[in-house]
Amino acid sequence: MKKLTRAIGAGAFCLSVMMASPAAFAADAASIATAKQVLTVTGATTMFQPLIAGVVEQARLLYLQQNPGLGKDLNDLANKMRADLQPRFSELVDEMAKMYADAFTQQELKDILNFYQTPTGKKLLDQQPKLVDASMSFAQDWANKLSEEVTAAMREELVKRGHKM
């Protein structure tokens, strides 16, 4: 009971501080606004742009598989729905910005934004997709070679232990 009373008291205190300080909400809104800028500058919003069209296309294909005769109507509906749903993309951006605002302070978000606006930050954004692709390819090749080494070493050890391989 004592713990519950303390928890309620702590919650009430936090609520009263937030209610008494509109700056707390302003800082949060400012962080979210800066986070949205970071998302835009880094291209994160562009990366998620195809989501709405993808969801609509999945639904269209689902109904098309059930009844191929619905093709024309489904195409019309899909085109309309993509356009009608596009404003909802802001929901996704808002939530992503909140995640960033929760993970970084306002100053950190400003620092991140400033970095990506420098020549080095712009170069990183330009080179990053190529580097990620090259890294993934290298890592896959490396893992395949390591797998061959591990398999050979295990086979050799099992043979030493008297197992027929």
C-alpha atoms as a PDB file:
ATOM      1  CA  MET A   1       0.000   0.000   0.000  1.00  0.00           C
ATOM      2  CA  LYS A   2       2.900   2.313   0.851  1.00  0.00           C
ATOM      3  CA  LYS A   3       4.438   1.720  -2.594  1.00  0.00           C
ATOM      4  CA  LEU A   4       1.134   2.444  -4.313  1.00  0.00           C
ATOM      5  CA  THR A   5       0.736   5.707  -2.377  1.00  0.00           C
ATOM      6  CA  ARG A   6       4.295   6.734  -3.336  1.00  0.00           C
ATOM      7  CA  ALA A   7       3.685   5.860  -6.989  1.00  0.00           C
ATOM      8  CA  ILE A   8       0.462   7.879  -7.069  1.00  0.00           C
ATOM      9  CA  GLY A   9       2.223  10.791  -5.359  1.00  0.00           C
ATOM     10  CA  ALA A  10       5.109  10.659  -7.837  1.00  0.00           C
ATOM     11  CA  GLY A  11       2.695  10.542 -10.750  1.00  0.00           C
ATOM     12  CA  ALA A  12       0.733  13.491  -9.391  1.00  0.00           C
ATOM     13  CA  PHE A  13       3.951  15.475  -8.911  1.00  0.00           C
ATOM     14  CA  CYS A  14       5.073  14.791 -12.497  1.00  0.00           C
ATOM     15  CA  LEU A  15       1.666  15.753 -13.812  1.00  0.00           C
ATOM     16  CA  SER A  16       1.651  18.986 -11.828  1.00  0.00           C
ATOM     17  CA  VAL A  17       5.134  19.895 -13.101  1.00  0.00           C
ATOM     18  CA  MET A  18       4.033  19.272 -16.686  1.00  0.00           C
ATOM     19  CA  MET A  19       0.828  21.252 -16.233  1.00  0.00           C
ATOM     20  CA  ALA A  20       2.687  24.139 -14.629  1.00  0.00           C
ATOM     21  CA  SER A  21       5.348  24.215 -17.312  1.00  0.00           C
ATOM     22  CA  PRO A  22       4.099  24.688 -20.872  1.00  0.00           C
ATOM     23  CA  ALA A  23       7.767  24.912 -21.869  1.00  0.00           C
ATOM     24  CA  ALA A  24       8.009  21.147 -21.296  1.00  0.00           C
ATOM     25  CA  PHE A  25       5.504  20.629 -24.097  1.00  0.00           C
ATOM     26  CA  ALA A  26       7.138  23.285 -26.273  1.00  0.00           C
ATOM     27  CA  ALA A  27      10.521  21.586 -25.938  1.00  0.00           C
ATOM     28  CA  ASP A  28       8.914  18.306 -26.899  1.00  0.00           C
ATOM     29  CA  ALA A  29       7.245  19.889 -29.913  1.00  0.00           C
ATOM     30  CA  ALA A  30      10.536  21.553 -30.852  1.00  0.00           C
ATOM     31  CA  SER A  31      12.348  18.216 -30.591  1.00  0.00           C
ATOM     32  CA  ILE A  32       9.730  16.573 -32.767  1.00  0.00           C
ATOM     33  CA  ALA A  33      10.014  19.359 -35.344  1.00  0.00           C
ATOM     34  CA  THR A  34      13.801  18.990 -35.427  1.00  0.00           C
ATOM     35  CA  ALA A  35      13.462  15.220 -35.640  1.00  0.00           C
ATOM     36  CA  LYS A  36      11.222  15.661 -38.693  1.00  0.00           C
ATOM     37  CA  GLN A  37      13.949  17.765 -40.285  1.00  0.00           C
ATOM     38  CA  VAL A  38      16.479  15.017 -39.544  1.00  0.00           C
ATOM     39  CA  LEU A  39      14.169  12.441 -41.127  1.00  0.00           C
ATOM     40  CA  THR A  40      13.784  14.600 -44.223  1.00  0.00           C
ATOM     41  CA  VAL A  41      17.490  15.423 -44.593  1.00  0.00           C
ATOM     42  CA  THR A  42      18.552  11.799 -44.144  1.00  0.00           C
ATOM     43  CA  GLY A  43      15.995  10.559 -46.653  1.00  0.00           C
ATOM     44  CA  ALA A  44      14.194   8.394 -44.098  1.00  0.00           C
ATOM     45  CA  THR A  45      10.819   9.765 -45.132  1.00  0.00           C
ATOM     46  CA  THR A  46      11.576   8.950 -48.778  1.00  0.00           C
ATOM     47  CA  MET A  47      12.472   5.399 -47.826  1.00  0.00           C
ATOM     48  CA  PHE A  48       8.994   4.834 -46.341  1.00  0.00           C
ATOM     49  CA  GLN A  49       7.089   6.676 -49.080  1.00  0.00           C
ATOM     50  CA  PRO A  50       6.142   3.462 -50.940  1.00  0.00           C
ATOM     51  CA  LEU A  51       4.370   1.952 -47.909  1.00  0.00           C
ATOM     52  CA  ILE A  52       0.880   3.232 -48.667  1.00  0.00           C
ATOM     53  CA  ALA A  53       1.051   2.154 -52.292  1.00  0.00           C
ATOM     54  CA  GLY A  54       2.386  -1.240 -51.177  1.00  0.00           C
ATOM     55  CA  VAL A  55      -0.439  -1.814 -48.714  1.00  0.00           C
ATOM     56  CA  VAL A  56      -3.047  -0.848 -51.318  1.00  0.00           C
ATOM     57  CA  GLU A  57      -1.367  -3.104 -53.902  1.00  0.00           C
ATOM     58  CA  GLN A  58      -1.431  -6.062 -51.490  1.00  0.00           C
ATOM     59  CA  ALA A  59      -5.156  -5.621 -50.949  1.00  0.00           C
ATOM     60  CA  ARG A  60      -5.743  -5.236 -54.704  1.00  0.00           C
ATOM     61  CA  LEU A  61      -3.830  -8.461 -55.431  1.00  0.00           C
ATOM     62  CA  LEU A  62      -5.670 -10.318 -52.673  1.00  0.00           C
ATOM     63  CA  TYR A  63      -9.056  -9.518 -54.225  1.00  0.00           C
ATOM     64  CA  LEU A  64      -7.748 -10.032 -57.762  1.00  0.00           C
ATOM     65  CA  GLN A  65      -6.630 -13.560 -56.884  1.00  0.00           C
ATOM     66  CA  GLN A  66     -10.081 -14.321 -55.496  1.00  0.00           C
ATOM     67  CA  ASN A  67     -11.850 -12.936 -58.562  1.00  0.00           C
ATOM     68  CA  PRO A  68      -9.785 -11.995 -61.638  1.00  0.00           C
ATOM     69  CA  GLY A  69     -12.901 -10.415 -63.152  1.00  0.00           C
ATOM     70  CA  LEU A  70     -12.597  -7.527 -60.675  1.00  0.00           C
ATOM     71  CA  GLY A  71      -9.429  -6.212 -62.353  1.00  0.00           C
ATOM     72  CA  LYS A  72     -10.792  -2.939 -63.754  1.00  0.00           C
ATOM     73  CA  ASP A  73     -12.731  -2.027 -60.606  1.00  0.00           C
ATOM     74  CA  LEU A  74      -9.803  -2.976 -58.380  1.00  0.00           C
ATOM     75  CA  ASN A  75      -7.425  -0.839 -60.463  1.00  0.00           C
ATOM     76  CA  ASP A  76      -9.782   2.119 -60.190  1.00  0.00           C
ATOM     77  CA  LEU A  77     -10.212   1.597 -56.444  1.00  0.00           C
ATOM     78  CA  ALA A  78      -6.475   1.179 -55.887  1.00  0.00           C
ATOM     79  CA  ASN A  79      -5.668   4.414 -57.719  1.00  0.00           C
ATOM     80  CA  LYS A  80      -8.280   6.302 -55.727  1.00  0.00           C
ATOM     81  CA  MET A  81      -7.231   4.778 -52.409  1.00  0.00           C
ATOM     82  CA  ARG A  82      -3.538   5.565 -52.986  1.00  0.00           C
ATOM     83  CA  ALA A  83      -4.430   9.200 -53.545  1.00  0.00           C
ATOM     84  CA  ASP A  84      -6.935   9.326 -50.667  1.00  0.00           C
ATOM     85  CA  LEU A  85      -4.536   7.689 -48.210  1.00  0.00           C
ATOM     86  CA  GLN A  86      -1.468   9.746 -49.097  1.00  0.00           C
ATOM     87  CA  PRO A  87      -2.218  12.408 -46.441  1.00  0.00           C
ATOM     88  CA  ARG A  88      -2.006   9.654 -43.818  1.00  0.00           C
ATOM     89  CA  PHE A  89       1.722   9.393 -44.519  1.00  0.00           C
ATOM     90  CA  SER A  90       2.125  12.219 -42.013  1.00  0.00           C
ATOM     91  CA  GLU A  91       1.008   9.770 -39.271  1.00  0.00           C
ATOM     92  CA  LEU A  92       4.036   7.632 -40.015  1.00  0.00           C
ATOM     93  CA  VAL A  93       6.386  10.618 -40.102  1.00  0.00           C
ATOM     94  CA  ASP A  94       4.948  11.978 -36.845  1.00  0.00           C
ATOM     95  CA  GLU A  95       5.485   8.679 -35.034  1.00  0.00           C
ATOM     96  CA  MET A  96       9.008   8.279 -36.400  1.00  0.00           C
ATOM     97  CA  ALA A  97       9.808  11.828 -35.305  1.00  0.00           C
ATOM     98  CA  LYS A  98       8.505  11.044 -31.815  1.00  0.00           C
ATOM     99  CA  MET A  99      10.821   8.025 -31.682  1.00  0.00           C
ATOM    100  CA  TYR A 100      13.790  10.205 -32.570  1.00  0.00           C
ATOM    101  CA  ALA A 101      12.695  12.892 -30.102  1.00  0.00           C
ATOM    102  CA  ASP A 102      12.490  10.239 -27.374  1.00  0.00           C
ATOM    103  CA  ALA A 103      15.923   8.859 -28.246  1.00  0.00           C
ATOM    104  CA  PHE A 104      17.792  12.184 -28.562  1.00  0.00           C
ATOM    105  CA  THR A 105      17.735  15.512 -26.779  1.00  0.00           C
ATOM    106  CA  GLN A 106      16.779  18.662 -28.649  1.00  0.00           C
ATOM    107  CA  GLN A 107      20.452  19.658 -28.803  1.00  0.00           C
ATOM    108  CA  GLU A 108      21.512  16.235 -30.074  1.00  0.00           C
ATOM    109  CA  LEU A 109      18.879  16.426 -32.814  1.00  0.00           C
ATOM    110  CA  LYS A 110      20.170  19.872 -33.795  1.00  0.00           C
ATOM    111  CA  ASP A 111      23.734  18.523 -33.844  1.00  0.00           C
ATOM    112  CA  ILE A 112      22.669  15.575 -36.010  1.00  0.00           C
ATOM    113  CA  LEU A 113      20.814  17.889 -38.377  1.00  0.00           C
ATOM    114  CA  ASN A 114      23.781  20.262 -38.568  1.00  0.00           C
ATOM    115  CA  PHE A 115      26.128  17.358 -39.310  1.00  0.00           C
ATOM    116  CA  TYR A 116      24.003  16.061 -42.188  1.00  0.00           C
ATOM    117  CA  GLN A 117      23.972  19.558 -43.675  1.00  0.00           C
ATOM    118  CA  THR A 118      27.793  19.702 -43.761  1.00  0.00           C
ATOM    119  CA  PRO A 119      29.727  18.513 -46.830  1.00  0.00           C
ATOM    120  CA  THR A 120      30.843  15.428 -44.876  1.00  0.00           C
ATOM    121  CA  GLY A 121      27.291  14.649 -43.783  1.00  0.00           C
ATOM    122  CA  LYS A 122      26.023  15.051 -47.345  1.00  0.00           C
ATOM    123  CA  LYS A 123      28.800  12.762 -48.581  1.00  0.00           C
ATOM    124  CA  LEU A 124      27.844  10.176 -45.961  1.00  0.00           C
ATOM    125  CA  LEU A 125      24.222  10.269 -47.116  1.00  0.00           C
ATOM    126  CA  ASP A 126      25.351   9.928 -50.730  1.00  0.00           C
ATOM    127  CA  GLN A 127      27.798   7.078 -50.107  1.00  0.00           C
ATOM    128  CA  GLN A 128      25.894   5.176 -47.439  1.00  0.00           C
ATOM    129  CA  PRO A 129      23.634   3.082 -49.721  1.00  0.00           C
ATOM    130  CA  LYS A 130      26.656   1.949 -51.752  1.00  0.00           C
ATOM    131  CA  LEU A 131      28.626   1.185 -48.605  1.00  0.00           C
ATOM    132  CA  VAL A 132      25.766  -0.751 -47.031  1.00  0.00           C
ATOM    133  CA  ASP A 133      25.352  -2.832 -50.215  1.00  0.00           C
ATOM    134  CA  ALA A 134      29.083  -3.491 -50.456  1.00  0.00           C
ATOM    135  CA  SER A 135      29.283  -4.309 -46.737  1.00  0.00           C
ATOM    136  CA  MET A 136      26.371  -6.732 -46.942  1.00  0.00           C
ATOM    137  CA  SER A 137      27.891  -8.459 -49.967  1.00  0.00           C
ATOM    138  CA  PHE A 138      31.290  -8.691 -48.278  1.00  0.00           C
ATOM    139  CA  ALA A 139      29.741  -9.970 -45.041  1.00  0.00           C
ATOM    140  CA  GLN A 140      27.820 -12.672 -46.923  1.00  0.00           C
ATOM    141  CA  ASP A 141      30.964 -13.816 -48.768  1.00  0.00           C
ATOM    142  CA  TRP A 142      32.958 -13.724 -45.531  1.00  0.00           C
ATOM    143  CA  ALA A 143      30.309 -15.753 -43.689  1.00  0.00           C
ATOM    144  CA  ASN A 144      30.216 -18.331 -46.519  1.00  0.00           C
ATOM    145  CA  LYS A 145      34.018 -18.775 -46.358  1.00  0.00           C
ATOM    146  CA  LEU A 146      33.902 -18.979 -42.568  1.00  0.00           C
ATOM    147  CA  SER A 147      31.148 -21.580 -42.825  1.00  0.00           C
ATOM    148  CA  GLU A 148      33.357 -23.707 -45.107  1.00  0.00           C
ATOM    149  CA  GLU A 149      36.239 -23.406 -42.609  1.00  0.00           C
ATOM    150  CA  VAL A 150      34.030 -24.312 -39.641  1.00  0.00           C
ATOM    151  CA  THR A 151      32.464 -27.260 -41.483  1.00  0.00           C
ATOM    152  CA  ALA A 152      35.886 -28.573 -42.521  1.00  0.00           C
ATOM    153  CA  ALA A 153      37.285 -28.140 -39.004  1.00  0.00           C
ATOM    154  CA  MET A 154      34.303 -29.934 -37.445  1.00  0.00           C
ATOM    155  CA  ARG A 155      34.557 -32.745 -39.988  1.00  0.00           C
ATOM    156  CA  GLU A 156      38.267 -33.115 -39.282  1.00  0.00           C
ATOM    157  CA  GLU A 157      37.695 -33.181 -35.517  1.00  0.00           C
ATOM    158  CA  LEU A 158      34.863 -35.703 -35.821  1.00  0.00           C
ATOM    159  CA  VAL A 159      37.105 -37.978 -37.926  1.00  0.00           C
ATOM    160  CA  LYS A 160      39.831 -37.676 -35.245  1.00  0.00           C
ATOM    161  CA  ARG A 161      37.257 -38.788 -32.685  1.00  0.00           C
ATOM    162  CA  GLY A 162      36.550 -41.930 -34.678  1.00  0.00           C
ATOM    163  CA  HIS A 163      33.416 -40.906 -36.567  1.00  0.00           C
ATOM    164  CA  LYS A 164      33.092 -41.913 -40.206  1.00  0.00           C
ATOM    165  CA  MET A 165      32.338 -38.906 -42.366  1.00  0.00           C
END
